[in-house]
Protein backbone atom coordinates (compact mmCIF):
# COMPACT_ATOMS: atom_id res chain seq x y z
CA MET A 1 -25.06 9.76 -17.23
CA SER A 2 -25.47 9.18 -20.91
CA GLN A 3 -23.94 7.00 -23.57
CA SER A 4 -22.40 10.06 -25.24
CA ARG A 5 -19.98 10.52 -22.33
CA GLU A 6 -16.39 9.47 -22.82
CA ARG A 7 -15.77 5.79 -22.17
CA GLN A 8 -13.03 4.64 -19.83
CA GLU A 9 -10.49 2.16 -21.18
CA GLY A 10 -12.07 -1.26 -21.55
CA GLU A 11 -15.67 -0.08 -21.22
CA GLN A 12 -17.89 -1.37 -23.97
CA VAL A 13 -21.50 -0.61 -24.87
CA CYS A 14 -23.49 -3.87 -24.72
CA ALA A 15 -26.83 -2.40 -25.70
CA SER A 16 -27.65 0.99 -27.13
CA TYR A 17 -31.22 2.24 -27.10
CA PRO A 18 -33.07 5.32 -28.35
CA LEU A 19 -33.02 8.47 -26.21
CA ASP A 20 -29.33 8.08 -25.31
CA ILE A 21 -29.91 5.07 -23.06
CA SER A 22 -27.40 2.23 -22.86
CA VAL A 23 -26.00 -0.72 -20.94
CA VAL A 24 -22.21 -0.62 -20.64
CA GLU A 25 -19.85 -3.44 -19.70
CA LEU A 26 -17.32 -2.42 -17.06
CA PRO A 27 -14.36 -4.78 -16.98
CA ALA A 28 -13.11 -5.78 -13.53
CA GLU A 29 -10.53 -8.20 -12.21
CA GLU A 30 -13.21 -10.51 -10.81
CA GLY A 31 -15.46 -10.45 -13.88
CA SER A 32 -17.41 -7.75 -15.62
CA GLN A 33 -20.14 -5.56 -14.23
CA TYR A 34 -22.83 -3.83 -16.27
CA ARG A 35 -24.05 -0.28 -15.84
CA PHE A 36 -27.37 1.08 -16.99
CA GLU A 37 -27.04 4.68 -18.18
CA ALA A 38 -29.69 7.23 -19.14
CA PRO A 39 -29.97 11.01 -19.15
CA ASP A 40 -31.29 12.32 -15.83
CA HIS A 41 -30.67 8.95 -14.16
CA CYS A 42 -27.93 8.31 -11.61
CA GLY A 43 -26.94 5.07 -13.34
CA LYS A 44 -27.10 1.62 -11.79
CA THR A 45 -24.55 -1.18 -11.82
CA PHE A 46 -25.35 -4.89 -11.99
CA GLU A 47 -23.33 -8.06 -11.56
CA ASP A 48 -24.81 -9.63 -14.69
CA GLU A 49 -25.77 -8.36 -18.13
CA GLU A 50 -29.23 -9.93 -18.08
CA SER A 51 -30.28 -7.90 -15.03
CA ALA A 52 -28.98 -4.67 -16.57
CA LEU A 53 -30.88 -5.35 -19.80
CA LEU A 54 -34.09 -6.14 -17.89
CA TYR A 55 -33.64 -2.94 -15.88
CA ALA A 56 -33.50 -1.06 -19.20
CA ASP A 57 -36.75 -2.77 -20.23
CA VAL A 58 -38.41 -1.70 -16.97
CA TYR A 59 -37.12 1.84 -17.52
CA PHE A 60 -38.76 2.01 -20.95
CA ASP A 61 -41.92 0.29 -19.71
CA VAL A 62 -42.63 3.10 -17.24
CA ASN A 63 -41.25 5.93 -19.40
CA GLY A 64 -38.29 6.43 -17.07
CA PHE A 65 -37.89 6.72 -13.33
CA ALA A 66 -35.38 7.92 -10.76
CA GLU A 67 -33.80 5.73 -8.08
CA VAL A 68 -32.51 8.77 -6.19
CA GLY A 69 -34.40 9.28 -2.96
CA THR A 70 -35.92 5.81 -2.78
CA GLY A 71 -33.41 4.55 -0.23
CA GLY A 72 -31.61 1.23 -0.20
CA ARG A 73 -34.77 -0.86 -0.29
CA GLY A 74 -37.28 1.57 -1.73
CA ILE A 75 -39.06 1.18 -5.04
CA PRO A 76 -39.67 4.16 -7.31
CA PRO A 77 -43.38 5.11 -7.34
CA GLU A 78 -43.55 4.84 -11.14
CA ILE A 79 -42.78 1.15 -10.89
CA VAL A 80 -45.29 0.45 -8.13
CA GLN A 81 -48.00 2.31 -10.06
CA ALA A 82 -47.22 0.49 -13.32
CA GLY A 83 -48.63 -2.80 -12.07
CA ARG A 84 -47.73 -6.29 -11.00
CA ASP A 85 -45.77 -7.34 -14.07
CA THR A 86 -43.52 -4.26 -14.02
CA LEU A 87 -42.94 -4.60 -10.29
CA ALA A 88 -42.09 -8.29 -10.74
CA ALA A 89 -39.57 -7.45 -13.48
CA TYR A 90 -38.02 -4.74 -11.29
CA PHE A 91 -37.70 -7.22 -8.43
CA VAL A 92 -35.86 -9.66 -10.72
CA THR A 93 -33.19 -7.01 -11.38
CA MET A 94 -32.32 -6.94 -7.67
CA PRO A 95 -29.41 -9.05 -6.37
CA GLY A 96 -30.56 -12.42 -5.07
CA VAL A 97 -34.05 -12.17 -6.54
CA ASP A 98 -35.24 -14.50 -9.29
CA ALA A 99 -38.53 -15.72 -10.74
CA GLN A 100 -38.84 -18.26 -7.92
CA TRP A 101 -38.64 -15.48 -5.31
CA VAL A 102 -41.14 -13.33 -7.20
CA ALA A 103 -43.51 -16.29 -7.51
CA SER A 104 -43.29 -16.87 -3.78
CA PHE A 105 -43.87 -13.16 -3.09
CA TYR A 106 -47.06 -13.17 -5.18
CA GLY A 107 -48.14 -16.70 -4.24
CA HIS A 108 -47.88 -17.91 -7.84
CA LYS A 109 -45.91 -20.49 -9.78
CA PRO A 110 -42.53 -19.43 -11.23
CA GLU A 111 -43.92 -19.72 -14.77
CA ARG A 112 -46.34 -16.92 -14.02
CA ALA A 113 -43.52 -14.72 -12.70
CA GLU A 114 -41.58 -15.44 -15.90
CA ARG A 115 -44.64 -14.38 -17.94
CA TYR A 116 -44.71 -11.07 -16.03
CA VAL A 117 -41.09 -10.44 -17.01
CA SER A 118 -41.78 -11.48 -20.60
CA ARG A 119 -44.65 -8.97 -20.86
CA VAL A 120 -42.40 -6.14 -19.70
CA ARG A 121 -39.70 -7.10 -22.20
CA LYS A 122 -42.28 -7.18 -25.01
CA ARG A 123 -43.78 -3.80 -24.10
CA ALA A 124 -40.32 -2.23 -23.78
CA SER A 125 -39.38 -3.55 -27.22
CA GLU A 126 -42.58 -2.12 -28.71
CA ILE A 127 -41.96 1.24 -27.03
CA ARG A 128 -38.40 1.40 -28.38
CA GLU A 129 -39.62 0.48 -31.88
CA GLY A 130 -42.20 3.27 -31.66
CA ILE A 131 -39.52 5.78 -30.66
CA VAL A 132 -37.32 4.77 -33.58
CA ASP A 133 -40.27 5.00 -35.98
CA ARG A 134 -41.04 8.55 -34.81
CA GLN A 135 -37.44 9.75 -35.17
């Protein structure tokens, strides 16, 4: 999927990034959902905008990845190989997972898990800025 595809009625782009990557709001009767879209990616839908935006940050942090073939609970190898902070941020995008859960998983305090997420957001922002500067 890509942001250049035709939008359905009511769909709205929440965030547009370089390389035809976006987060789109999908209106629904019981509240909106948010879909991450990128070329050569199957797309992924989230219950909240914050998770979709963080997923986009993780995507940029590892230079893209594919969810296809990882199964319902699998993690793409690019994310595992990227390190603890990227894996922590990816976990936070999953339903029911927050910084408290990640902290427990790693045996750290929640503040440390939040720093992991913050690092990924910062790197993703720097990567996007670099892409824009090169274009």
